[in-house]
N, C-alpha and C. Protein backbone atom coordinates (compact mmCIF):
# COMPACT_ATOMS: atom_id res chain seq x y z
N MET A 1 -55.41 43.92 37.97
CA MET A 1 -55.40 43.77 39.42
C MET A 1 -53.96 43.56 39.90
N ALA A 2 -53.59 44.25 40.96
CA ALA A 2 -52.22 44.15 41.47
C ALA A 2 -52.00 42.80 42.15
N LYS A 3 -50.87 42.21 41.84
CA LYS A 3 -50.50 40.91 42.42
C LYS A 3 -49.92 41.15 43.80
N SER A 4 -50.49 40.48 44.79
CA SER A 4 -49.95 40.64 46.14
C SER A 4 -49.07 39.43 46.46
N THR A 5 -48.07 39.66 47.27
CA THR A 5 -47.16 38.60 47.68
C THR A 5 -47.00 38.67 49.18
N ASP A 6 -46.35 37.63 49.75
CA ASP A 6 -46.10 37.65 51.20
C ASP A 6 -45.11 38.74 51.55
N LYS A 7 -44.23 39.07 50.62
CA LYS A 7 -43.21 40.08 50.87
C LYS A 7 -43.63 41.43 50.32
N GLN A 8 -43.21 42.45 51.01
CA GLN A 8 -43.39 43.80 50.48
C GLN A 8 -42.43 43.99 49.31
N ILE A 9 -42.92 44.57 48.23
CA ILE A 9 -42.06 44.88 47.09
C ILE A 9 -41.81 46.38 47.09
N VAL A 10 -40.53 46.74 47.00
CA VAL A 10 -40.14 48.15 47.05
C VAL A 10 -39.34 48.47 45.79
N LEU A 11 -39.79 49.48 45.07
CA LEU A 11 -39.05 49.95 43.91
C LEU A 11 -38.12 51.06 44.36
N ALA A 12 -36.81 50.85 44.16
CA ALA A 12 -35.80 51.82 44.59
C ALA A 12 -35.60 52.87 43.51
N SER A 13 -36.68 53.54 43.14
CA SER A 13 -36.61 54.51 42.06
C SER A 13 -37.81 55.44 42.15
N GLN A 14 -37.62 56.67 41.69
CA GLN A 14 -38.76 57.57 41.58
C GLN A 14 -39.16 57.78 40.12
N SER A 15 -38.59 56.98 39.22
CA SER A 15 -38.89 57.10 37.80
C SER A 15 -40.35 56.79 37.51
N PRO A 16 -41.09 57.73 36.94
CA PRO A 16 -42.49 57.45 36.59
C PRO A 16 -42.60 56.30 35.58
N ARG A 17 -41.62 56.20 34.67
CA ARG A 17 -41.68 55.11 33.68
C ARG A 17 -41.54 53.76 34.36
N ARG A 18 -40.61 53.62 35.29
CA ARG A 18 -40.44 52.34 35.99
C ARG A 18 -41.66 52.00 36.84
N GLN A 19 -42.22 53.01 37.48
CA GLN A 19 -43.43 52.78 38.27
C GLN A 19 -44.58 52.31 37.38
N GLU A 20 -44.71 52.93 36.23
CA GLU A 20 -45.78 52.56 35.30
C GLU A 20 -45.60 51.13 34.79
N LEU A 21 -44.37 50.74 34.49
CA LEU A 21 -44.12 49.38 34.00
C LEU A 21 -44.40 48.33 35.08
N LEU A 22 -44.01 48.60 36.32
CA LEU A 22 -44.32 47.65 37.40
C LEU A 22 -45.83 47.53 37.59
N THR A 23 -46.53 48.65 37.48
CA THR A 23 -47.99 48.63 37.59
C THR A 23 -48.60 47.80 36.46
N GLN A 24 -48.08 47.97 35.24
CA GLN A 24 -48.57 47.19 34.10
C GLN A 24 -48.31 45.69 34.31
N MET A 25 -47.24 45.36 35.03
CA MET A 25 -46.95 43.95 35.32
C MET A 25 -47.91 43.39 36.37
N GLY A 26 -48.69 44.27 37.00
CA GLY A 26 -49.66 43.82 37.99
C GLY A 26 -49.09 43.67 39.38
N LEU A 27 -47.94 44.29 39.66
CA LEU A 27 -47.33 44.17 40.98
C LEU A 27 -47.81 45.28 41.92
N ALA A 28 -48.08 44.89 43.16
CA ALA A 28 -48.36 45.87 44.21
C ALA A 28 -47.00 46.22 44.83
N PHE A 29 -46.67 47.52 44.87
CA PHE A 29 -45.35 47.92 45.35
C PHE A 29 -45.42 49.32 45.96
N THR A 30 -44.38 49.62 46.73
CA THR A 30 -44.18 50.99 47.21
C THR A 30 -42.88 51.49 46.60
N THR A 31 -42.66 52.79 46.67
CA THR A 31 -41.41 53.34 46.16
C THR A 31 -40.57 53.90 47.30
N HIS A 32 -39.28 53.75 47.17
CA HIS A 32 -38.32 54.29 48.12
C HIS A 32 -37.06 54.64 47.32
N PRO A 33 -37.01 55.87 46.78
CA PRO A 33 -35.84 56.26 45.98
C PRO A 33 -34.55 56.10 46.77
N SER A 34 -33.52 55.66 46.08
CA SER A 34 -32.23 55.42 46.70
C SER A 34 -31.40 56.69 46.77
N ASP A 35 -30.61 56.79 47.85
CA ASP A 35 -29.65 57.90 48.00
C ASP A 35 -28.26 57.49 47.54
N PHE A 36 -28.16 56.33 46.92
CA PHE A 36 -26.85 55.82 46.47
C PHE A 36 -26.23 56.80 45.48
N GLU A 37 -24.95 57.09 45.70
CA GLU A 37 -24.21 57.99 44.82
C GLU A 37 -23.70 57.22 43.62
N GLU A 38 -24.29 57.50 42.45
CA GLU A 38 -23.83 56.83 41.24
C GLU A 38 -22.42 57.30 40.92
N ILE A 39 -21.62 56.39 40.39
CA ILE A 39 -20.23 56.73 40.10
C ILE A 39 -20.03 56.95 38.61
N ASP A 40 -18.98 57.64 38.29
CA ASP A 40 -18.59 57.87 36.90
C ASP A 40 -17.13 57.44 36.81
N THR A 41 -16.92 56.21 36.33
CA THR A 41 -15.56 55.66 36.33
C THR A 41 -15.22 55.12 34.95
N HIS A 42 -14.14 54.35 34.91
CA HIS A 42 -13.71 53.74 33.65
C HIS A 42 -14.28 52.35 33.47
N LEU A 43 -15.37 52.04 34.17
CA LEU A 43 -16.02 50.76 33.98
C LEU A 43 -16.66 50.71 32.60
N THR A 44 -16.89 49.50 32.09
CA THR A 44 -17.65 49.38 30.85
C THR A 44 -19.09 49.83 31.14
N PRO A 45 -19.88 50.16 30.11
CA PRO A 45 -21.27 50.56 30.37
C PRO A 45 -22.05 49.50 31.15
N GLU A 46 -21.81 48.22 30.82
CA GLU A 46 -22.51 47.13 31.51
C GLU A 46 -22.09 47.06 32.98
N GLU A 47 -20.80 47.18 33.24
CA GLU A 47 -20.30 47.13 34.62
C GLU A 47 -20.81 48.33 35.42
N LEU A 48 -20.85 49.48 34.79
CA LEU A 48 -21.32 50.69 35.47
C LEU A 48 -22.79 50.57 35.84
N ALA A 49 -23.62 50.13 34.90
CA ALA A 49 -25.05 49.98 35.18
C ALA A 49 -25.27 48.97 36.30
N LEU A 50 -24.54 47.86 36.26
CA LEU A 50 -24.68 46.82 37.28
C LEU A 50 -24.23 47.33 38.65
N HIS A 51 -23.08 48.00 38.68
CA HIS A 51 -22.58 48.58 39.94
C HIS A 51 -23.64 49.50 40.56
N ASN A 52 -24.21 50.38 39.75
CA ASN A 52 -25.19 51.35 40.26
C ASN A 52 -26.49 50.68 40.68
N ALA A 53 -26.97 49.71 39.91
CA ALA A 53 -28.23 49.03 40.26
C ALA A 53 -28.08 48.28 41.59
N ILE A 54 -26.97 47.56 41.76
CA ILE A 54 -26.75 46.83 43.01
C ILE A 54 -26.58 47.79 44.17
N GLY A 55 -25.84 48.87 43.95
CA GLY A 55 -25.65 49.88 45.01
C GLY A 55 -26.96 50.50 45.45
N LYS A 56 -27.84 50.81 44.51
CA LYS A 56 -29.15 51.38 44.85
C LYS A 56 -29.97 50.39 45.68
N ALA A 57 -29.98 49.12 45.25
CA ALA A 57 -30.76 48.11 45.98
C ALA A 57 -30.22 47.93 47.40
N GLN A 58 -28.90 47.86 47.54
CA GLN A 58 -28.30 47.66 48.87
C GLN A 58 -28.57 48.85 49.79
N GLU A 59 -28.54 50.05 49.23
CA GLU A 59 -28.79 51.24 50.06
C GLU A 59 -30.23 51.24 50.58
N VAL A 60 -31.19 50.92 49.74
CA VAL A 60 -32.60 50.90 50.16
C VAL A 60 -32.87 49.70 51.07
N ALA A 61 -32.20 48.57 50.83
CA ALA A 61 -32.42 47.35 51.62
C ALA A 61 -32.15 47.56 53.10
N ARG A 62 -31.28 48.49 53.44
CA ARG A 62 -30.96 48.77 54.85
C ARG A 62 -32.19 49.17 55.65
N HIS A 63 -33.23 49.64 54.96
CA HIS A 63 -34.43 50.14 55.64
C HIS A 63 -35.53 49.08 55.80
N TYR A 64 -35.30 47.86 55.28
CA TYR A 64 -36.35 46.84 55.28
C TYR A 64 -35.80 45.49 55.72
N ARG A 65 -36.56 44.81 56.62
CA ARG A 65 -36.13 43.50 57.09
C ARG A 65 -36.64 42.36 56.22
N ASP A 66 -37.84 42.51 55.69
CA ASP A 66 -38.45 41.42 54.93
C ASP A 66 -39.13 42.01 53.70
N ALA A 67 -38.34 42.31 52.71
CA ALA A 67 -38.89 42.92 51.49
C ALA A 67 -38.06 42.50 50.29
N LEU A 68 -38.65 42.68 49.14
CA LEU A 68 -37.92 42.53 47.88
C LEU A 68 -37.70 43.92 47.32
N ILE A 69 -36.45 44.28 47.17
CA ILE A 69 -36.10 45.59 46.61
C ILE A 69 -35.81 45.39 45.13
N ILE A 70 -36.43 46.21 44.30
CA ILE A 70 -36.16 46.19 42.86
C ILE A 70 -35.49 47.50 42.51
N SER A 71 -34.31 47.40 41.90
CA SER A 71 -33.62 48.61 41.47
C SER A 71 -33.17 48.45 40.04
N ALA A 72 -32.89 49.57 39.40
CA ALA A 72 -32.42 49.54 38.02
C ALA A 72 -31.53 50.75 37.76
N ASP A 73 -30.65 50.59 36.81
CA ASP A 73 -29.83 51.72 36.36
C ASP A 73 -29.64 51.59 34.86
N THR A 74 -29.84 52.69 34.16
CA THR A 74 -29.71 52.70 32.70
C THR A 74 -28.53 53.56 32.29
N VAL A 75 -27.71 53.01 31.42
CA VAL A 75 -26.57 53.73 30.85
C VAL A 75 -26.73 53.72 29.33
N VAL A 76 -26.56 54.87 28.71
CA VAL A 76 -26.63 54.97 27.25
C VAL A 76 -25.22 55.28 26.75
N ALA A 77 -24.78 54.49 25.76
CA ALA A 77 -23.43 54.68 25.23
C ALA A 77 -23.47 54.76 23.71
N VAL A 78 -22.81 55.81 23.18
CA VAL A 78 -22.61 55.90 21.74
C VAL A 78 -21.10 56.03 21.54
N GLY A 79 -20.51 55.02 20.92
CA GLY A 79 -19.05 55.01 20.83
C GLY A 79 -18.46 54.97 22.23
N GLN A 80 -17.54 55.88 22.52
CA GLN A 80 -16.91 55.96 23.84
C GLN A 80 -17.61 56.94 24.77
N HIS A 81 -18.72 57.51 24.33
CA HIS A 81 -19.44 58.52 25.12
C HIS A 81 -20.58 57.88 25.91
N TYR A 82 -20.64 58.20 27.22
CA TYR A 82 -21.78 57.84 28.04
C TYR A 82 -22.70 59.05 28.05
N LEU A 83 -23.97 58.82 27.81
CA LEU A 83 -24.90 59.94 27.72
C LEU A 83 -25.88 59.92 28.88
N GLY A 84 -25.77 60.91 29.75
CA GLY A 84 -26.68 61.03 30.87
C GLY A 84 -27.84 61.95 30.53
N LYS A 85 -28.47 62.47 31.57
CA LYS A 85 -29.55 63.43 31.36
C LYS A 85 -28.93 64.78 30.99
N PRO A 86 -29.56 65.51 30.06
CA PRO A 86 -28.99 66.81 29.66
C PRO A 86 -28.92 67.77 30.84
N LYS A 87 -27.80 68.51 30.93
CA LYS A 87 -27.62 69.48 32.01
C LYS A 87 -28.28 70.81 31.68
N ASP A 88 -28.29 71.15 30.39
CA ASP A 88 -28.88 72.41 29.94
C ASP A 88 -29.17 72.30 28.44
N ILE A 89 -29.62 73.38 27.82
CA ILE A 89 -30.00 73.34 26.41
C ILE A 89 -28.82 72.97 25.52
N GLU A 90 -27.65 73.55 25.79
CA GLU A 90 -26.48 73.25 24.95
C GLU A 90 -26.09 71.78 25.07
N ASP A 91 -26.18 71.24 26.28
CA ASP A 91 -25.86 69.83 26.48
C ASP A 91 -26.88 68.94 25.77
N ALA A 92 -28.15 69.33 25.81
CA ALA A 92 -29.19 68.57 25.10
C ALA A 92 -28.91 68.55 23.60
N LYS A 93 -28.49 69.69 23.06
CA LYS A 93 -28.15 69.76 21.63
C LYS A 93 -26.95 68.87 21.31
N ARG A 94 -25.95 68.92 22.18
CA ARG A 94 -24.74 68.11 21.98
C ARG A 94 -25.09 66.62 21.95
N ILE A 95 -25.94 66.20 22.90
CA ILE A 95 -26.33 64.79 22.99
C ILE A 95 -27.08 64.36 21.73
N LEU A 96 -28.05 65.16 21.30
CA LEU A 96 -28.84 64.78 20.12
C LEU A 96 -27.98 64.78 18.85
N ARG A 97 -27.02 65.69 18.77
CA ARG A 97 -26.10 65.68 17.62
C ARG A 97 -25.24 64.41 17.62
N LEU A 98 -24.81 63.97 18.82
CA LEU A 98 -24.03 62.73 18.92
C LEU A 98 -24.86 61.52 18.49
N LEU A 99 -26.15 61.52 18.82
CA LEU A 99 -27.02 60.39 18.49
C LEU A 99 -27.42 60.37 17.03
N SER A 100 -27.42 61.54 16.39
CA SER A 100 -27.88 61.66 15.01
C SER A 100 -27.17 60.69 14.08
N ASN A 101 -27.97 59.92 13.33
CA ASN A 101 -27.46 59.02 12.30
C ASN A 101 -26.49 57.97 12.86
N THR A 102 -26.75 57.51 14.09
CA THR A 102 -25.89 56.48 14.71
C THR A 102 -26.76 55.40 15.34
N THR A 103 -26.09 54.32 15.72
CA THR A 103 -26.72 53.29 16.55
C THR A 103 -26.04 53.35 17.91
N HIS A 104 -26.85 53.43 18.95
CA HIS A 104 -26.28 53.49 20.30
C HIS A 104 -26.82 52.33 21.14
N LYS A 105 -26.13 52.08 22.25
CA LYS A 105 -26.52 51.01 23.16
C LYS A 105 -27.25 51.60 24.36
N VAL A 106 -28.36 50.96 24.72
CA VAL A 106 -29.06 51.28 25.96
C VAL A 106 -28.91 50.05 26.85
N ILE A 107 -28.21 50.25 27.96
CA ILE A 107 -27.92 49.14 28.88
C ILE A 107 -28.64 49.41 30.19
N THR A 108 -29.50 48.48 30.58
CA THR A 108 -30.15 48.59 31.89
C THR A 108 -29.79 47.37 32.72
N ALA A 109 -29.29 47.64 33.91
CA ALA A 109 -29.05 46.58 34.88
C ALA A 109 -30.18 46.62 35.89
N ILE A 110 -30.67 45.45 36.25
CA ILE A 110 -31.70 45.37 37.29
C ILE A 110 -31.20 44.47 38.41
N CYS A 111 -31.66 44.76 39.60
CA CYS A 111 -31.28 43.99 40.78
C CYS A 111 -32.54 43.72 41.60
N VAL A 112 -32.69 42.47 42.05
CA VAL A 112 -33.76 42.10 42.97
C VAL A 112 -33.06 41.62 44.25
N PHE A 113 -33.32 42.34 45.33
CA PHE A 113 -32.64 42.07 46.61
C PHE A 113 -33.68 41.58 47.61
N ASP A 114 -33.52 40.34 48.08
CA ASP A 114 -34.39 39.77 49.10
C ASP A 114 -33.74 40.05 50.45
N THR A 115 -34.30 40.99 51.20
CA THR A 115 -33.65 41.44 52.44
C THR A 115 -33.71 40.39 53.54
N SER A 116 -34.71 39.52 53.54
CA SER A 116 -34.80 38.52 54.61
C SER A 116 -33.74 37.45 54.45
N LYS A 117 -33.34 37.15 53.22
CA LYS A 117 -32.33 36.12 52.96
C LYS A 117 -30.97 36.71 52.59
N ASN A 118 -30.90 38.03 52.49
CA ASN A 118 -29.69 38.73 52.10
C ASN A 118 -29.13 38.18 50.77
N ILE A 119 -30.05 38.01 49.82
CA ILE A 119 -29.68 37.51 48.49
C ILE A 119 -30.00 38.58 47.47
N ASN A 120 -29.05 38.84 46.58
CA ASN A 120 -29.41 39.72 45.47
C ASN A 120 -29.11 39.04 44.15
N LEU A 121 -30.07 39.18 43.25
CA LEU A 121 -29.96 38.64 41.90
C LEU A 121 -29.95 39.81 40.94
N SER A 122 -29.17 39.68 39.88
CA SER A 122 -29.11 40.81 38.94
C SER A 122 -29.00 40.30 37.51
N ALA A 123 -29.30 41.19 36.59
CA ALA A 123 -29.21 40.90 35.16
C ALA A 123 -28.96 42.20 34.43
N VAL A 124 -28.37 42.08 33.25
CA VAL A 124 -28.10 43.24 32.41
C VAL A 124 -28.72 43.00 31.04
N GLU A 125 -29.44 43.98 30.55
CA GLU A 125 -30.07 43.90 29.22
C GLU A 125 -29.51 45.02 28.34
N THR A 126 -29.17 44.68 27.11
CA THR A 126 -28.65 45.66 26.16
C THR A 126 -29.55 45.70 24.93
N THR A 127 -29.92 46.89 24.52
CA THR A 127 -30.73 47.10 23.33
C THR A 127 -30.01 48.09 22.42
N LEU A 128 -30.02 47.81 21.11
CA LEU A 128 -29.43 48.72 20.14
C LEU A 128 -30.52 49.58 19.51
N VAL A 129 -30.29 50.89 19.50
CA VAL A 129 -31.27 51.83 18.96
C VAL A 129 -30.59 52.66 17.86
N THR A 130 -31.19 52.67 16.68
CA THR A 130 -30.66 53.44 15.56
C THR A 130 -31.51 54.69 15.35
N ILE A 131 -30.85 55.84 15.37
CA ILE A 131 -31.51 57.14 15.24
C ILE A 131 -31.31 57.67 13.83
N ASP A 132 -32.34 58.28 13.29
CA ASP A 132 -32.29 58.93 11.98
C ASP A 132 -31.34 60.14 12.03
N ARG A 133 -30.98 60.64 10.87
CA ARG A 133 -30.20 61.88 10.82
C ARG A 133 -31.08 63.02 11.33
N LEU A 134 -30.60 63.75 12.32
CA LEU A 134 -31.38 64.84 12.91
C LEU A 134 -30.81 66.18 12.45
N ASP A 135 -31.63 66.97 11.77
CA ASP A 135 -31.16 68.30 11.39
C ASP A 135 -31.37 69.25 12.57
N GLU A 136 -30.80 70.43 12.46
CA GLU A 136 -30.86 71.39 13.58
C GLU A 136 -32.29 71.78 13.94
N ALA A 137 -33.15 71.88 12.93
CA ALA A 137 -34.55 72.26 13.19
C ALA A 137 -35.25 71.18 14.02
N THR A 138 -34.98 69.91 13.69
CA THR A 138 -35.58 68.80 14.44
C THR A 138 -35.06 68.77 15.87
N ILE A 139 -33.75 68.97 16.02
CA ILE A 139 -33.15 69.01 17.36
C ILE A 139 -33.77 70.13 18.19
N GLU A 140 -33.87 71.29 17.59
CA GLU A 140 -34.45 72.45 18.29
C GLU A 140 -35.90 72.18 18.69
N ALA A 141 -36.69 71.63 17.77
CA ALA A 141 -38.10 71.36 18.05
C ALA A 141 -38.24 70.33 19.17
N TYR A 142 -37.40 69.32 19.14
CA TYR A 142 -37.50 68.28 20.17
C TYR A 142 -37.12 68.84 21.54
N ILE A 143 -36.06 69.61 21.59
CA ILE A 143 -35.64 70.22 22.86
C ILE A 143 -36.75 71.12 23.40
N ASN A 144 -37.37 71.89 22.51
CA ASN A 144 -38.45 72.79 22.92
C ASN A 144 -39.68 72.05 23.43
N SER A 145 -39.83 70.77 23.05
CA SER A 145 -40.97 69.99 23.54
C SER A 145 -40.83 69.71 25.04
N GLY A 146 -39.57 69.75 25.54
CA GLY A 146 -39.33 69.51 26.97
C GLY A 146 -39.35 68.05 27.36
N GLU A 147 -39.56 67.15 26.40
CA GLU A 147 -39.76 65.75 26.73
C GLU A 147 -38.51 65.04 27.26
N GLY A 148 -37.34 65.39 26.76
CA GLY A 148 -36.15 64.61 27.07
C GLY A 148 -35.34 65.05 28.27
N TRP A 149 -35.79 66.05 29.01
CA TRP A 149 -34.95 66.63 30.07
C TRP A 149 -34.57 65.67 31.17
N ASP A 150 -35.49 64.79 31.58
CA ASP A 150 -35.20 63.93 32.74
C ASP A 150 -34.84 62.51 32.31
N LYS A 151 -34.37 62.36 31.07
CA LYS A 151 -34.10 61.03 30.54
C LYS A 151 -32.66 60.89 30.07
N ALA A 152 -32.09 59.71 30.34
CA ALA A 152 -30.74 59.41 29.85
C ALA A 152 -30.74 59.54 28.34
N ALA A 153 -29.73 60.20 27.80
CA ALA A 153 -29.56 60.45 26.36
C ALA A 153 -30.56 61.47 25.83
N GLY A 154 -31.32 62.10 26.71
CA GLY A 154 -32.15 63.24 26.32
C GLY A 154 -33.31 62.96 25.38
N TYR A 155 -33.81 61.70 25.34
CA TYR A 155 -34.99 61.43 24.52
C TYR A 155 -35.84 60.35 25.17
N ALA A 156 -37.12 60.30 24.77
CA ALA A 156 -38.04 59.29 25.28
C ALA A 156 -38.56 58.46 24.12
N ILE A 157 -38.24 57.17 24.15
CA ILE A 157 -38.69 56.29 23.06
C ILE A 157 -40.21 56.15 23.04
N GLN A 158 -40.85 56.35 24.20
CA GLN A 158 -42.29 56.16 24.28
C GLN A 158 -43.06 57.45 23.99
N GLY A 159 -42.35 58.50 23.61
CA GLY A 159 -43.00 59.77 23.32
C GLY A 159 -42.64 60.28 21.93
N LEU A 160 -42.43 61.59 21.82
CA LEU A 160 -42.06 62.19 20.54
C LEU A 160 -40.73 61.66 20.00
N GLY A 161 -39.87 61.22 20.91
CA GLY A 161 -38.59 60.65 20.50
C GLY A 161 -38.75 59.46 19.57
N SER A 162 -39.89 58.81 19.62
CA SER A 162 -40.14 57.65 18.75
C SER A 162 -40.14 58.06 17.27
N LEU A 163 -40.37 59.34 16.99
CA LEU A 163 -40.46 59.81 15.61
C LEU A 163 -39.13 59.75 14.87
N PHE A 164 -38.01 59.73 15.59
CA PHE A 164 -36.73 59.66 14.88
C PHE A 164 -35.96 58.37 15.14
N ILE A 165 -36.66 57.33 15.60
CA ILE A 165 -36.02 56.03 15.80
C ILE A 165 -36.27 55.16 14.57
N LYS A 166 -35.18 54.84 13.86
CA LYS A 166 -35.28 54.04 12.63
C LYS A 166 -35.42 52.56 12.93
N LYS A 167 -34.69 52.10 13.96
CA LYS A 167 -34.67 50.67 14.22
C LYS A 167 -34.33 50.42 15.68
N ILE A 168 -34.88 49.34 16.21
CA ILE A 168 -34.55 48.93 17.57
C ILE A 168 -34.28 47.42 17.53
N GLU A 169 -33.18 47.02 18.13
CA GLU A 169 -32.82 45.60 18.19
C GLU A 169 -32.72 45.21 19.66
N GLY A 170 -33.71 44.44 20.11
CA GLY A 170 -33.71 44.02 21.51
C GLY A 170 -34.99 44.42 22.20
N ASP A 171 -34.91 44.51 23.51
CA ASP A 171 -36.05 44.74 24.38
C ASP A 171 -36.46 46.22 24.38
N TYR A 172 -37.65 46.50 23.86
CA TYR A 172 -38.17 47.87 23.85
C TYR A 172 -38.28 48.43 25.27
N PHE A 173 -38.80 47.63 26.20
CA PHE A 173 -39.02 48.12 27.56
C PHE A 173 -37.70 48.47 28.25
N ASN A 174 -36.62 47.85 27.83
CA ASN A 174 -35.30 48.20 28.33
C ASN A 174 -35.00 49.67 28.05
N VAL A 175 -35.38 50.14 26.87
CA VAL A 175 -35.12 51.53 26.48
C VAL A 175 -36.02 52.48 27.28
N VAL A 176 -37.22 52.02 27.62
CA VAL A 176 -38.10 52.81 28.48
C VAL A 176 -37.49 52.93 29.88
N GLY A 177 -36.74 51.89 30.31
CA GLY A 177 -36.06 51.98 31.60
C GLY A 177 -36.15 50.76 32.50
N LEU A 178 -36.89 49.72 32.05
CA LEU A 178 -37.01 48.53 32.89
C LEU A 178 -37.28 47.31 32.01
N PRO A 179 -36.29 46.45 31.83
CA PRO A 179 -36.50 45.26 31.00
C PRO A 179 -37.39 44.25 31.73
N ILE A 180 -38.68 44.29 31.44
CA ILE A 180 -39.65 43.55 32.26
C ILE A 180 -39.54 42.03 32.08
N TYR A 181 -39.11 41.56 30.92
CA TYR A 181 -38.92 40.12 30.75
C TYR A 181 -37.83 39.63 31.71
N ARG A 182 -36.70 40.33 31.72
CA ARG A 182 -35.59 39.95 32.63
C ARG A 182 -36.04 40.04 34.08
N LEU A 183 -36.80 41.10 34.40
CA LEU A 183 -37.27 41.27 35.77
C LEU A 183 -38.18 40.11 36.18
N ARG A 184 -39.09 39.72 35.29
CA ARG A 184 -39.97 38.59 35.59
C ARG A 184 -39.16 37.34 35.91
N LYS A 185 -38.11 37.08 35.13
CA LYS A 185 -37.28 35.90 35.36
C LYS A 185 -36.58 35.96 36.72
N LEU A 186 -36.10 37.14 37.12
CA LEU A 186 -35.47 37.28 38.44
C LEU A 186 -36.49 37.08 39.55
N LEU A 187 -37.69 37.64 39.37
CA LEU A 187 -38.73 37.49 40.39
C LEU A 187 -39.15 36.03 40.55
N GLN A 188 -39.18 35.28 39.46
CA GLN A 188 -39.50 33.86 39.54
C GLN A 188 -38.48 33.13 40.41
N LYS A 189 -37.21 33.54 40.33
CA LYS A 189 -36.16 32.88 41.11
C LYS A 189 -36.31 33.12 42.61
N VAL A 190 -37.02 34.20 42.99
CA VAL A 190 -37.26 34.45 44.41
C VAL A 190 -38.69 34.10 44.80
N GLY A 191 -39.35 33.32 43.94
CA GLY A 191 -40.65 32.77 44.31
C GLY A 191 -41.87 33.61 43.94
N ILE A 192 -41.70 34.60 43.10
CA ILE A 192 -42.85 35.40 42.69
C ILE A 192 -43.11 35.16 41.20
N ASP A 193 -44.24 34.52 40.92
CA ASP A 193 -44.62 34.30 39.53
C ASP A 193 -45.78 35.24 39.22
N ILE A 194 -45.57 36.12 38.28
CA ILE A 194 -46.54 37.18 38.01
C ILE A 194 -47.78 36.65 37.31
N MET A 195 -47.61 35.64 36.47
CA MET A 195 -48.76 35.10 35.73
C MET A 195 -49.51 34.07 36.57
């Protein structure tokens, strides 16, 4: 059953994974994707994710007087490389080759913006994911599945991508796209207790 609150809850994202996780948490919410322009700078992965999450929340907050805006931004980093969504087949292959036989960081920043009080709270969660050695046949098969096209780093931990994950250290839901434990703690600070 969806948890209702005095405030409208707005998810500043069109991500089906984030919507599904909020639904699993039992929250009643609407979606309002942000038009915030994500930046690509020399910030650390954590700073970049936080900058983008706060920017998304602030952009959507302009449309609501008394609401809680929830936003998130995920950055995947392997070494000095930031891995976004694949642009095309060659880019998808490049990304999977970079991930092969490595441990990478998945960083998600979340922001909860209370528009009536003009308060925003944020947190950053980092999870380490170790990928098996991927041969060309595996890379080709995974790309052909079509699963990773709309996902940072070109794979889905909750789908076929799980088949080549050797180890995960940290919050699994962070890799899906929304660290729900951290989100629950932020929501408690603005007076919403989910349990």
